[in-house]
Every structure is written in structure tokens, then in C-alpha cells.
Amino acid sequence: MIAVLQEQVDRQSHESLRYELDILGLTETPNENPYHLVLTTAQKIGLTMDERDLDYVRRVGPRGKEAEDRLPRPLVVSFTRRTKRKDFLKQAKARRCLDSKNVAGSGPERKMYVNERLTTGNRQLFRAARIWTKAQGFKHCWVRNGTVYVRKGEGRDGSPAIPIRTSEDLQRMSAKNIHNLQPSE
């Protein structure tokens, strides 16, 4: 019963984030205008937007010491419509060569990433799945609509996308991989 309730809470938490994205690697400055940063990013990826498309934009996480080598805090973007969020994410994924200096205009040149906003549980599961993927020789690990997926090889090779919903899924797959590697008697 507790597992069912926890799953419902997790699903509701994910639903509350369905309008949001994270922008990672974007240089943080003391008097920055986060809305301007998002609109500039949209322009750089070829998307037309204005402030009415944004519900709110803010940095999340604790402020660190002023250090050049410190990674900037993520920028959370909440859109007023899911279609704009979807378009922004799609365009950003298509243009993987986006860097912070082109958007912010100052600071070190860093690669920028635009990702789905995840709940704490999903973020931990995604981190564990990425580690597991490398250890097990899988080629891909990604998130789509809040669900973590792994794939052994390229999709064209007939390798299916496997959804990972809990850490137990990874444990079961580890046991299956070890069993498949054992020599038969």
C-alpha cells in the first residue's frame, strides 16, 4: 500500500514539473536578467519567444563562493504553455553546440545543456542509471517525459528502449545480464 501511495506522490510531483526545463552551464552574473538569458537562448536556438511565454525563470541551489571554475547554478524555466516548452527542448537538443559565452556574452566558455526538470527521486534514479549504463556496457541512457530509459545499442540494431522506473529495475537487469554472461553447462 505504501509503495502505491509513493508512486502516486511521485507521479503528481512529476506532473507539477511538466511546464519546466533546466538550463545548465549558463554563466551566472550578479545583476543578470534571467528572462533575458532565456529569450537570448531561444533566439540562439532559432525559436521565437517573448516574456509572455514564460511563467517564471530563476536560479536554483545554494549560492557558492565567487570562483571562476565553479559551475553556475541551474536556471529553471517555467513556460506558460507546454507546446513552447516542448519546442524549446526540441530546438535545444537539435543544436548541441550551444555555449554560455554566446548567450551570456561574458565569463568562461562552457557547454550548455537544456534538460527536462526532474523530481529529486527521478534525478537520483537517472544518475544511478547513467552509472549503471556505463558499468553494464549499455550505450544510451536518457529521460523523456520524466521516465528514464536505457538502450544496449543503436535502435536500428533492434535494441529496444527499456524504461527504468525504480532502482529495482536496474538490479533485475543486472542480475539478468550476469546470468546471460554465465557459461552454460
N, C-alpha and C. Protein backbone atom coordinates (compact mmCIF):
# COMPACT_ATOMS: atom_id res chain seq x y z
N MET A 1 0.83 -1.19 0.00
CA MET A 1 0.00 0.00 0.00
C MET A 1 0.88 1.27 0.00
N ILE A 2 1.96 1.24 0.77
CA ILE A 2 2.84 2.40 0.84
C ILE A 2 3.50 2.64 -0.51
N ALA A 3 3.89 1.57 -1.19
CA ALA A 3 4.53 1.71 -2.50
C ALA A 3 3.57 2.36 -3.50
N VAL A 4 2.30 2.00 -3.44
CA VAL A 4 1.30 2.58 -4.34
C VAL A 4 1.14 4.06 -4.06
N LEU A 5 1.07 4.42 -2.79
CA LEU A 5 0.94 5.84 -2.42
C LEU A 5 2.18 6.63 -2.84
N GLN A 6 3.36 6.04 -2.65
CA GLN A 6 4.60 6.71 -3.05
C GLN A 6 4.62 6.93 -4.56
N GLU A 7 4.15 5.94 -5.31
CA GLU A 7 4.10 6.08 -6.77
C GLU A 7 3.15 7.21 -7.17
N GLN A 8 2.02 7.33 -6.49
CA GLN A 8 1.07 8.41 -6.78
C GLN A 8 1.68 9.78 -6.48
N VAL A 9 2.37 9.88 -5.36
CA VAL A 9 3.03 11.14 -5.00
C VAL A 9 4.09 11.50 -6.04
N ASP A 10 4.88 10.51 -6.45
CA ASP A 10 5.92 10.74 -7.46
C ASP A 10 5.30 11.20 -8.77
N ARG A 11 4.21 10.58 -9.17
CA ARG A 11 3.55 10.97 -10.42
C ARG A 11 3.00 12.38 -10.34
N GLN A 12 2.41 12.75 -9.21
CA GLN A 12 1.89 14.12 -9.03
C GLN A 12 3.03 15.13 -8.99
N SER A 13 4.12 14.77 -8.36
CA SER A 13 5.28 15.66 -8.34
C SER A 13 5.81 15.89 -9.74
N HIS A 14 5.86 14.83 -10.53
CA HIS A 14 6.32 14.98 -11.92
C HIS A 14 5.35 15.85 -12.72
N GLU A 15 4.07 15.68 -12.52
CA GLU A 15 3.07 16.49 -13.23
C GLU A 15 3.25 17.97 -12.94
N SER A 16 3.66 18.30 -11.73
CA SER A 16 3.84 19.71 -11.38
C SER A 16 5.04 20.32 -12.11
N LEU A 17 5.93 19.49 -12.65
CA LEU A 17 7.13 19.96 -13.35
C LEU A 17 7.01 19.90 -14.87
N ARG A 18 5.85 19.54 -15.38
CA ARG A 18 5.72 19.32 -16.83
C ARG A 18 5.81 20.58 -17.67
N TYR A 19 5.80 21.75 -17.05
CA TYR A 19 5.96 23.01 -17.77
C TYR A 19 7.38 23.57 -17.64
N GLU A 20 8.27 22.84 -16.97
CA GLU A 20 9.58 23.38 -16.63
C GLU A 20 10.73 22.67 -17.33
N LEU A 21 11.82 23.42 -17.52
CA LEU A 21 13.08 22.90 -18.04
C LEU A 21 14.22 23.44 -17.19
N ASP A 22 15.36 22.76 -17.22
CA ASP A 22 16.60 23.23 -16.60
C ASP A 22 17.56 23.64 -17.69
N ILE A 23 18.22 24.78 -17.50
CA ILE A 23 19.32 25.17 -18.37
C ILE A 23 20.58 25.13 -17.52
N LEU A 24 21.52 24.28 -17.92
CA LEU A 24 22.75 24.08 -17.16
C LEU A 24 23.93 24.67 -17.91
N GLY A 25 24.88 25.22 -17.16
CA GLY A 25 26.11 25.72 -17.74
C GLY A 25 26.08 27.17 -18.17
N LEU A 26 24.97 27.85 -17.98
CA LEU A 26 24.84 29.26 -18.39
C LEU A 26 25.48 30.15 -17.33
N THR A 27 26.45 30.95 -17.74
CA THR A 27 27.21 31.80 -16.83
C THR A 27 26.29 32.64 -15.96
N GLU A 28 26.61 32.69 -14.67
CA GLU A 28 25.82 33.44 -13.69
C GLU A 28 26.56 34.73 -13.35
N THR A 29 25.86 35.85 -13.43
CA THR A 29 26.44 37.14 -13.08
C THR A 29 25.61 37.79 -11.99
N PRO A 30 26.19 38.73 -11.22
CA PRO A 30 25.48 39.32 -10.08
C PRO A 30 24.16 40.02 -10.43
N ASN A 31 24.11 40.78 -11.49
CA ASN A 31 22.90 41.54 -11.82
C ASN A 31 22.24 41.04 -13.09
N GLU A 32 22.25 39.73 -13.29
CA GLU A 32 21.70 39.18 -14.52
C GLU A 32 20.18 39.31 -14.57
N ASN A 33 19.65 39.31 -15.78
CA ASN A 33 18.21 39.28 -16.01
C ASN A 33 17.90 37.88 -16.54
N PRO A 34 17.37 36.98 -15.71
CA PRO A 34 17.18 35.60 -16.15
C PRO A 34 16.20 35.48 -17.33
N TYR A 35 15.21 36.36 -17.41
CA TYR A 35 14.29 36.32 -18.54
C TYR A 35 15.04 36.63 -19.84
N HIS A 36 15.91 37.62 -19.79
CA HIS A 36 16.71 37.99 -20.96
C HIS A 36 17.59 36.81 -21.39
N LEU A 37 18.19 36.10 -20.42
CA LEU A 37 19.03 34.95 -20.75
C LEU A 37 18.24 33.86 -21.48
N VAL A 38 17.02 33.60 -21.02
CA VAL A 38 16.19 32.57 -21.67
C VAL A 38 15.77 33.03 -23.06
N LEU A 39 15.36 34.28 -23.19
CA LEU A 39 14.95 34.78 -24.51
C LEU A 39 16.13 34.81 -25.48
N THR A 40 17.32 35.13 -25.00
CA THR A 40 18.52 35.09 -25.85
C THR A 40 18.84 33.66 -26.25
N THR A 41 18.71 32.73 -25.31
CA THR A 41 18.92 31.32 -25.63
C THR A 41 17.94 30.86 -26.70
N ALA A 42 16.67 31.25 -26.55
CA ALA A 42 15.65 30.89 -27.53
C ALA A 42 16.02 31.41 -28.91
N GLN A 43 16.49 32.64 -28.96
CA GLN A 43 16.89 33.24 -30.24
C GLN A 43 18.06 32.45 -30.84
N LYS A 44 19.03 32.07 -30.01
CA LYS A 44 20.21 31.34 -30.50
C LYS A 44 19.86 29.95 -31.04
N ILE A 45 18.80 29.35 -30.50
CA ILE A 45 18.40 28.02 -30.99
C ILE A 45 17.36 28.10 -32.09
N GLY A 46 17.00 29.33 -32.48
CA GLY A 46 16.08 29.50 -33.60
C GLY A 46 14.62 29.46 -33.25
N LEU A 47 14.29 29.88 -32.04
CA LEU A 47 12.90 29.86 -31.58
C LEU A 47 12.45 31.28 -31.26
N THR A 48 11.28 31.66 -31.73
CA THR A 48 10.74 32.98 -31.45
C THR A 48 9.91 32.90 -30.18
N MET A 49 10.28 33.73 -29.19
CA MET A 49 9.57 33.76 -27.91
C MET A 49 9.55 35.18 -27.38
N ASP A 50 8.62 35.45 -26.46
CA ASP A 50 8.66 36.69 -25.70
C ASP A 50 8.33 36.38 -24.25
N GLU A 51 8.37 37.39 -23.40
CA GLU A 51 8.20 37.17 -21.96
C GLU A 51 6.86 36.56 -21.59
N ARG A 52 5.85 36.74 -22.43
CA ARG A 52 4.52 36.15 -22.14
C ARG A 52 4.55 34.64 -22.22
N ASP A 53 5.55 34.07 -22.88
CA ASP A 53 5.68 32.61 -22.97
C ASP A 53 6.30 32.01 -21.70
N LEU A 54 6.82 32.88 -20.82
CA LEU A 54 7.50 32.43 -19.61
C LEU A 54 6.67 32.75 -18.38
N ASP A 55 6.47 31.76 -17.53
CA ASP A 55 5.78 31.98 -16.26
C ASP A 55 6.76 32.56 -15.25
N TYR A 56 7.89 31.88 -15.05
CA TYR A 56 8.96 32.40 -14.20
C TYR A 56 10.29 31.78 -14.62
N VAL A 57 11.36 32.46 -14.26
CA VAL A 57 12.72 31.99 -14.51
C VAL A 57 13.53 32.34 -13.27
N ARG A 58 14.28 31.37 -12.75
CA ARG A 58 15.10 31.64 -11.56
C ARG A 58 16.24 30.63 -11.46
N ARG A 59 17.26 31.05 -10.74
CA ARG A 59 18.38 30.17 -10.41
C ARG A 59 17.96 29.33 -9.21
N VAL A 60 18.40 28.08 -9.17
CA VAL A 60 18.10 27.22 -8.03
C VAL A 60 19.39 26.68 -7.44
N GLY A 61 19.35 26.39 -6.16
CA GLY A 61 20.52 25.85 -5.48
C GLY A 61 21.20 26.94 -4.67
N PRO A 62 22.06 26.51 -3.78
CA PRO A 62 22.75 27.48 -2.93
C PRO A 62 23.78 28.29 -3.70
N ARG A 63 23.91 29.53 -3.33
CA ARG A 63 24.95 30.38 -3.93
C ARG A 63 26.30 29.90 -3.42
N GLY A 64 27.22 29.78 -4.32
CA GLY A 64 28.57 29.35 -3.95
C GLY A 64 29.49 30.54 -3.84
N LYS A 65 30.73 30.25 -3.56
CA LYS A 65 31.73 31.30 -3.50
C LYS A 65 32.00 31.81 -4.90
N GLU A 66 32.42 33.04 -4.99
CA GLU A 66 32.76 33.65 -6.28
C GLU A 66 34.05 33.03 -6.79
N ALA A 67 33.93 32.04 -7.64
CA ALA A 67 35.12 31.39 -8.21
C ALA A 67 34.88 31.16 -9.70
N GLU A 68 35.91 31.40 -10.46
CA GLU A 68 35.81 31.28 -11.92
C GLU A 68 35.56 29.83 -12.35
N ASP A 69 36.12 28.88 -11.61
CA ASP A 69 35.99 27.49 -12.01
C ASP A 69 34.73 26.81 -11.46
N ARG A 70 33.99 27.49 -10.61
CA ARG A 70 32.75 26.94 -10.05
C ARG A 70 31.67 26.90 -11.12
N LEU A 71 30.93 25.81 -11.17
CA LEU A 71 29.83 25.71 -12.13
C LEU A 71 28.69 26.63 -11.70
N PRO A 72 28.06 27.30 -12.65
CA PRO A 72 26.93 28.16 -12.30
C PRO A 72 25.71 27.34 -11.88
N ARG A 73 24.87 27.95 -11.06
CA ARG A 73 23.65 27.27 -10.64
C ARG A 73 22.73 27.08 -11.84
N PRO A 74 21.94 26.01 -11.85
CA PRO A 74 20.99 25.80 -12.95
C PRO A 74 19.95 26.91 -13.00
N LEU A 75 19.49 27.19 -14.19
CA LEU A 75 18.42 28.16 -14.42
C LEU A 75 17.16 27.35 -14.69
N VAL A 76 16.13 27.54 -13.87
CA VAL A 76 14.86 26.85 -14.04
C VAL A 76 13.92 27.77 -14.81
N VAL A 77 13.33 27.22 -15.87
CA VAL A 77 12.43 27.98 -16.72
C VAL A 77 11.07 27.31 -16.67
N SER A 78 10.05 28.08 -16.31
CA SER A 78 8.68 27.58 -16.33
C SER A 78 7.95 28.29 -17.46
N PHE A 79 7.38 27.52 -18.36
CA PHE A 79 6.68 28.06 -19.52
C PHE A 79 5.19 28.17 -19.23
N THR A 80 4.52 29.07 -19.92
CA THR A 80 3.08 29.20 -19.75
C THR A 80 2.31 28.14 -20.54
N ARG A 81 2.96 27.59 -21.57
CA ARG A 81 2.33 26.54 -22.38
C ARG A 81 3.31 25.40 -22.59
N ARG A 82 2.79 24.18 -22.55
CA ARG A 82 3.66 23.02 -22.75
C ARG A 82 4.20 22.94 -24.16
N THR A 83 3.47 23.48 -25.13
CA THR A 83 3.96 23.42 -26.51
C THR A 83 5.24 24.25 -26.66
N LYS A 84 5.32 25.40 -25.99
CA LYS A 84 6.54 26.21 -26.04
C LYS A 84 7.69 25.47 -25.37
N ARG A 85 7.40 24.83 -24.25
CA ARG A 85 8.42 24.04 -23.54
C ARG A 85 8.95 22.94 -24.45
N LYS A 86 8.03 22.23 -25.10
CA LYS A 86 8.40 21.14 -26.00
C LYS A 86 9.25 21.66 -27.16
N ASP A 87 8.84 22.78 -27.76
CA ASP A 87 9.60 23.37 -28.87
C ASP A 87 11.00 23.80 -28.42
N PHE A 88 11.08 24.42 -27.24
CA PHE A 88 12.36 24.88 -26.70
C PHE A 88 13.30 23.69 -26.51
N LEU A 89 12.81 22.63 -25.88
CA LEU A 89 13.62 21.44 -25.62
C LEU A 89 14.06 20.79 -26.94
N LYS A 90 13.15 20.67 -27.88
CA LYS A 90 13.47 20.05 -29.17
C LYS A 90 14.54 20.84 -29.92
N GLN A 91 14.39 22.16 -29.97
CA GLN A 91 15.36 23.01 -30.67
C GLN A 91 16.72 22.97 -29.97
N ALA A 92 16.72 22.97 -28.64
CA ALA A 92 17.98 22.94 -27.90
C ALA A 92 18.70 21.61 -28.11
N LYS A 93 17.98 20.52 -28.16
CA LYS A 93 18.59 19.20 -28.38
C LYS A 93 19.14 19.10 -29.79
N ALA A 94 18.48 19.77 -30.74
CA ALA A 94 18.96 19.74 -32.13
C ALA A 94 20.24 20.55 -32.30
N ARG A 95 20.44 21.55 -31.44
CA ARG A 95 21.63 22.41 -31.52
C ARG A 95 22.51 22.18 -30.29
N ARG A 96 23.20 21.09 -30.29
CA ARG A 96 24.01 20.71 -29.14
C ARG A 96 25.27 21.54 -28.97
N CYS A 97 25.59 22.38 -29.93
CA CYS A 97 26.83 23.16 -29.86
C CYS A 97 26.64 24.49 -29.15
N LEU A 98 25.58 24.65 -28.41
CA LEU A 98 25.30 25.90 -27.71
C LEU A 98 26.28 26.08 -26.55
N ASP A 99 26.87 27.29 -26.44
CA ASP A 99 27.77 27.54 -25.33
C ASP A 99 27.39 28.84 -24.62
N SER A 100 27.81 28.95 -23.37
CA SER A 100 27.39 30.04 -22.49
C SER A 100 27.87 31.40 -22.96
N LYS A 101 29.05 31.45 -23.55
CA LYS A 101 29.60 32.75 -23.96
C LYS A 101 28.74 33.38 -25.07
N ASN A 102 28.16 32.57 -25.95
CA ASN A 102 27.29 33.08 -27.00
C ASN A 102 25.99 33.65 -26.45
N VAL A 103 25.55 33.17 -25.30
CA VAL A 103 24.29 33.63 -24.72
C VAL A 103 24.52 34.75 -23.72
N ALA A 104 25.41 34.51 -22.75
CA ALA A 104 25.63 35.49 -21.67
C ALA A 104 26.56 36.62 -22.10
N GLY A 105 27.45 36.34 -23.04
CA GLY A 105 28.36 37.36 -23.53
C GLY A 105 29.59 37.58 -22.68
N SER A 106 29.63 36.99 -21.50
CA SER A 106 30.81 37.14 -20.64
C SER A 106 31.05 35.84 -19.90
N GLY A 107 32.18 35.78 -19.22
CA GLY A 107 32.51 34.59 -18.45
C GLY A 107 33.17 33.53 -19.31
N PRO A 108 33.51 32.41 -18.68
CA PRO A 108 34.19 31.33 -19.42
C PRO A 108 33.24 30.66 -20.41
N GLU A 109 33.82 30.10 -21.43
CA GLU A 109 33.02 29.39 -22.43
C GLU A 109 32.72 27.99 -21.91
N ARG A 110 31.45 27.69 -21.70
CA ARG A 110 31.01 26.39 -21.20
C ARG A 110 29.93 25.84 -22.12
N LYS A 111 29.90 24.54 -22.23
CA LYS A 111 28.82 23.89 -22.97
C LYS A 111 27.54 24.01 -22.16
N MET A 112 26.45 24.37 -22.83
CA MET A 112 25.15 24.50 -22.17
C MET A 112 24.29 23.28 -22.48
N TYR A 113 23.47 22.90 -21.52
CA TYR A 113 22.56 21.78 -21.68
C TYR A 113 21.16 22.23 -21.28
N VAL A 114 20.18 21.78 -22.03
CA VAL A 114 18.78 22.02 -21.68
C VAL A 114 18.17 20.65 -21.43
N ASN A 115 17.62 20.46 -20.23
CA ASN A 115 17.07 19.17 -19.83
C ASN A 115 15.68 19.33 -19.24
N GLU A 116 14.96 18.22 -19.22
CA GLU A 116 13.68 18.20 -18.52
C GLU A 116 13.94 18.42 -17.03
N ARG A 117 13.04 19.08 -16.38
CA ARG A 117 13.14 19.25 -14.93
C ARG A 117 12.64 17.97 -14.29
N LEU A 118 13.42 17.41 -13.38
CA LEU A 118 13.08 16.14 -12.75
C LEU A 118 12.84 16.30 -11.26
N THR A 119 12.03 15.41 -10.72
CA THR A 119 11.85 15.36 -9.28
C THR A 119 13.15 14.85 -8.67
N THR A 120 13.32 15.02 -7.38
CA THR A 120 14.53 14.55 -6.71
C THR A 120 14.72 13.06 -6.91
N GLY A 121 13.65 12.30 -6.77
CA GLY A 121 13.72 10.85 -6.95
C GLY A 121 14.13 10.46 -8.36
N ASN A 122 13.53 11.11 -9.36
CA ASN A 122 13.89 10.82 -10.75
C ASN A 122 15.32 11.25 -11.08
N ARG A 123 15.76 12.36 -10.49
CA ARG A 123 17.13 12.82 -10.71
C ARG A 123 18.11 11.79 -10.15
N GLN A 124 17.83 11.24 -8.96
CA GLN A 124 18.69 10.22 -8.36
C GLN A 124 18.66 8.93 -9.18
N LEU A 125 17.47 8.56 -9.67
CA LEU A 125 17.35 7.36 -10.49
C LEU A 125 18.10 7.54 -11.80
N PHE A 126 18.02 8.71 -12.41
CA PHE A 126 18.73 8.98 -13.66
C PHE A 126 20.24 8.90 -13.44
N ARG A 127 20.72 9.46 -12.34
CA ARG A 127 22.15 9.40 -12.02
C ARG A 127 22.59 7.94 -11.86
N ALA A 128 21.80 7.18 -11.11
CA ALA A 128 22.12 5.76 -10.90
C ALA A 128 22.08 4.99 -12.23
N ALA A 129 21.13 5.31 -13.08
CA ALA A 129 21.01 4.63 -14.38
C ALA A 129 22.19 4.96 -15.29
N ARG A 130 22.67 6.20 -15.25
CA ARG A 130 23.84 6.57 -16.07
C ARG A 130 25.07 5.79 -15.61
N ILE A 131 25.26 5.67 -14.31
CA ILE A 131 26.39 4.90 -13.77
C ILE A 131 26.24 3.44 -14.15
N TRP A 132 25.04 2.91 -13.98
CA TRP A 132 24.76 1.51 -14.31
C TRP A 132 25.00 1.25 -15.80
N THR A 133 24.56 2.18 -16.65
CA THR A 133 24.70 2.05 -18.10
C THR A 133 26.16 1.87 -18.49
N LYS A 134 27.03 2.70 -17.92
CA LYS A 134 28.46 2.59 -18.23
C LYS A 134 29.03 1.26 -17.73
N ALA A 135 28.65 0.87 -16.52
CA ALA A 135 29.19 -0.36 -15.93
C ALA A 135 28.73 -1.61 -16.69
N GLN A 136 27.52 -1.58 -17.24
CA GLN A 136 26.97 -2.75 -17.91
C GLN A 136 27.22 -2.76 -19.42
N GLY A 137 27.87 -1.72 -19.93
CA GLY A 137 28.17 -1.70 -21.36
C GLY A 137 27.00 -1.27 -22.24
N PHE A 138 26.01 -0.63 -21.64
CA PHE A 138 24.91 -0.10 -22.44
C PHE A 138 25.37 1.20 -23.08
N LYS A 139 24.77 1.54 -24.21
CA LYS A 139 25.24 2.69 -24.97
C LYS A 139 24.49 3.98 -24.64
N HIS A 140 23.20 3.89 -24.33
CA HIS A 140 22.39 5.09 -24.16
C HIS A 140 21.60 5.08 -22.85
N CYS A 141 21.45 6.27 -22.28
CA CYS A 141 20.62 6.49 -21.10
C CYS A 141 20.04 7.89 -21.24
N TRP A 142 18.73 8.03 -21.17
CA TRP A 142 18.10 9.34 -21.34
C TRP A 142 16.78 9.41 -20.59
N VAL A 143 16.22 10.62 -20.55
CA VAL A 143 14.93 10.85 -19.91
C VAL A 143 13.99 11.44 -20.94
N ARG A 144 12.77 10.93 -20.97
CA ARG A 144 11.73 11.53 -21.81
C ARG A 144 10.43 11.49 -21.02
N ASN A 145 9.84 12.67 -20.88
CA ASN A 145 8.59 12.83 -20.14
C ASN A 145 8.68 12.26 -18.72
N GLY A 146 9.82 12.46 -18.10
CA GLY A 146 10.01 12.06 -16.71
C GLY A 146 10.34 10.59 -16.50
N THR A 147 10.44 9.81 -17.57
CA THR A 147 10.77 8.39 -17.46
C THR A 147 12.20 8.19 -17.95
N VAL A 148 12.97 7.42 -17.18
CA VAL A 148 14.35 7.11 -17.54
C VAL A 148 14.33 5.89 -18.46
N TYR A 149 15.13 5.95 -19.53
CA TYR A 149 15.25 4.84 -20.47
C TYR A 149 16.72 4.49 -20.65
N VAL A 150 16.97 3.20 -20.94
CA VAL A 150 18.31 2.74 -21.31
C VAL A 150 18.18 1.91 -22.58
N ARG A 151 19.27 1.85 -23.33
CA ARG A 151 19.30 1.05 -24.56
C ARG A 151 20.69 0.47 -24.71
N LYS A 152 20.75 -0.81 -25.02
CA LYS A 152 22.03 -1.52 -25.15
C LYS A 152 22.84 -1.02 -26.33
N GLY A 153 22.21 -0.85 -27.48
CA GLY A 153 22.90 -0.41 -28.69
C GLY A 153 22.06 0.59 -29.44
N GLU A 154 22.36 0.75 -30.71
CA GLU A 154 21.60 1.67 -31.55
C GLU A 154 20.22 1.07 -31.83
N GLY A 155 19.22 1.92 -31.96
CA GLY A 155 17.85 1.47 -32.21
C GLY A 155 17.71 0.70 -33.51
N ARG A 156 18.50 1.05 -34.49
CA ARG A 156 18.43 0.36 -35.78
C ARG A 156 18.88 -1.10 -35.67
N ASP A 157 19.64 -1.42 -34.64
CA ASP A 157 20.14 -2.79 -34.47
C ASP A 157 19.13 -3.68 -33.74
N GLY A 158 17.94 -3.15 -33.52
CA GLY A 158 16.91 -3.93 -32.85
C GLY A 158 17.00 -3.89 -31.34
N SER A 159 17.77 -2.98 -30.80
CA SER A 159 17.90 -2.85 -29.36
C SER A 159 16.75 -1.98 -28.85
N PRO A 160 15.87 -2.55 -28.03
CA PRO A 160 14.71 -1.77 -27.57
C PRO A 160 15.07 -0.77 -26.47
N ALA A 161 14.28 0.29 -26.38
CA ALA A 161 14.41 1.23 -25.27
C ALA A 161 13.72 0.60 -24.07
N ILE A 162 14.43 0.52 -22.96
CA ILE A 162 13.90 -0.14 -21.77
C ILE A 162 13.61 0.93 -20.71
N PRO A 163 12.35 1.06 -20.29
CA PRO A 163 12.04 2.05 -19.26
C PRO A 163 12.54 1.59 -17.89
N ILE A 164 13.09 2.52 -17.14
CA ILE A 164 13.58 2.26 -15.78
C ILE A 164 12.73 3.12 -14.85
N ARG A 165 11.91 2.49 -14.04
CA ARG A 165 11.02 3.25 -13.16
C ARG A 165 11.48 3.25 -11.70
N THR A 166 12.28 2.23 -11.34
CA THR A 166 12.78 2.14 -9.97
C THR A 166 14.20 1.59 -9.99
N SER A 167 14.90 1.71 -8.88
CA SER A 167 16.25 1.15 -8.80
C SER A 167 16.19 -0.38 -8.84
N GLU A 168 15.05 -0.96 -8.46
CA GLU A 168 14.89 -2.41 -8.54
C GLU A 168 14.94 -2.88 -9.99
N ASP A 169 14.46 -2.05 -10.93
CA ASP A 169 14.56 -2.39 -12.35
C ASP A 169 16.02 -2.57 -12.75
N LEU A 170 16.88 -1.68 -12.27
CA LEU A 170 18.32 -1.79 -12.57
C LEU A 170 18.91 -3.06 -11.96
N GLN A 171 18.50 -3.38 -10.74
CA GLN A 171 19.00 -4.58 -10.08
C GLN A 171 18.57 -5.84 -10.83
N ARG A 172 17.31 -5.88 -11.27
CA ARG A 172 16.82 -7.03 -12.03
C ARG A 172 17.59 -7.17 -13.35
N MET A 173 17.83 -6.03 -14.00
CA MET A 173 18.56 -6.08 -15.27
C MET A 173 20.01 -6.48 -15.05
N SER A 174 20.61 -6.09 -13.95
CA SER A 174 21.98 -6.50 -13.63
C SER A 174 22.05 -8.00 -13.45
N ALA A 175 21.09 -8.55 -12.72
CA ALA A 175 21.06 -9.99 -12.49
C ALA A 175 20.85 -10.72 -13.81
N LYS A 176 20.00 -10.18 -14.68
CA LYS A 176 19.75 -10.81 -15.98
C LYS A 176 21.01 -10.78 -16.84
N ASN A 177 21.74 -9.64 -16.85
CA ASN A 177 22.97 -9.53 -17.63
C ASN A 177 24.03 -10.50 -17.12
N ILE A 178 24.17 -10.62 -15.80
CA ILE A 178 25.16 -11.53 -15.23
C ILE A 178 24.79 -12.97 -15.59
N HIS A 179 23.47 -13.29 -15.51
CA HIS A 179 23.02 -14.64 -15.86
C HIS A 179 23.30 -14.95 -17.33
N ASN A 180 23.09 -13.95 -18.21
CA ASN A 180 23.34 -14.16 -19.63
C ASN A 180 24.83 -14.31 -19.95
N LEU A 181 25.70 -13.79 -19.09
CA LEU A 181 27.13 -13.89 -19.32
C LEU A 181 27.74 -15.19 -18.77
N GLN A 182 26.98 -15.92 -17.91
CA GLN A 182 27.49 -17.15 -17.32
C GLN A 182 27.58 -18.23 -18.40
N PRO A 183 28.67 -19.00 -18.42
CA PRO A 183 28.76 -20.09 -19.40
C PRO A 183 27.74 -21.18 -19.08
N SER A 184 27.12 -21.72 -20.11
CA SER A 184 26.13 -22.75 -19.88
C SER A 184 26.83 -24.09 -19.68
N GLU A 185 26.22 -24.94 -18.87
CA GLU A 185 26.83 -26.23 -18.54
C GLU A 185 26.27 -27.31 -19.42
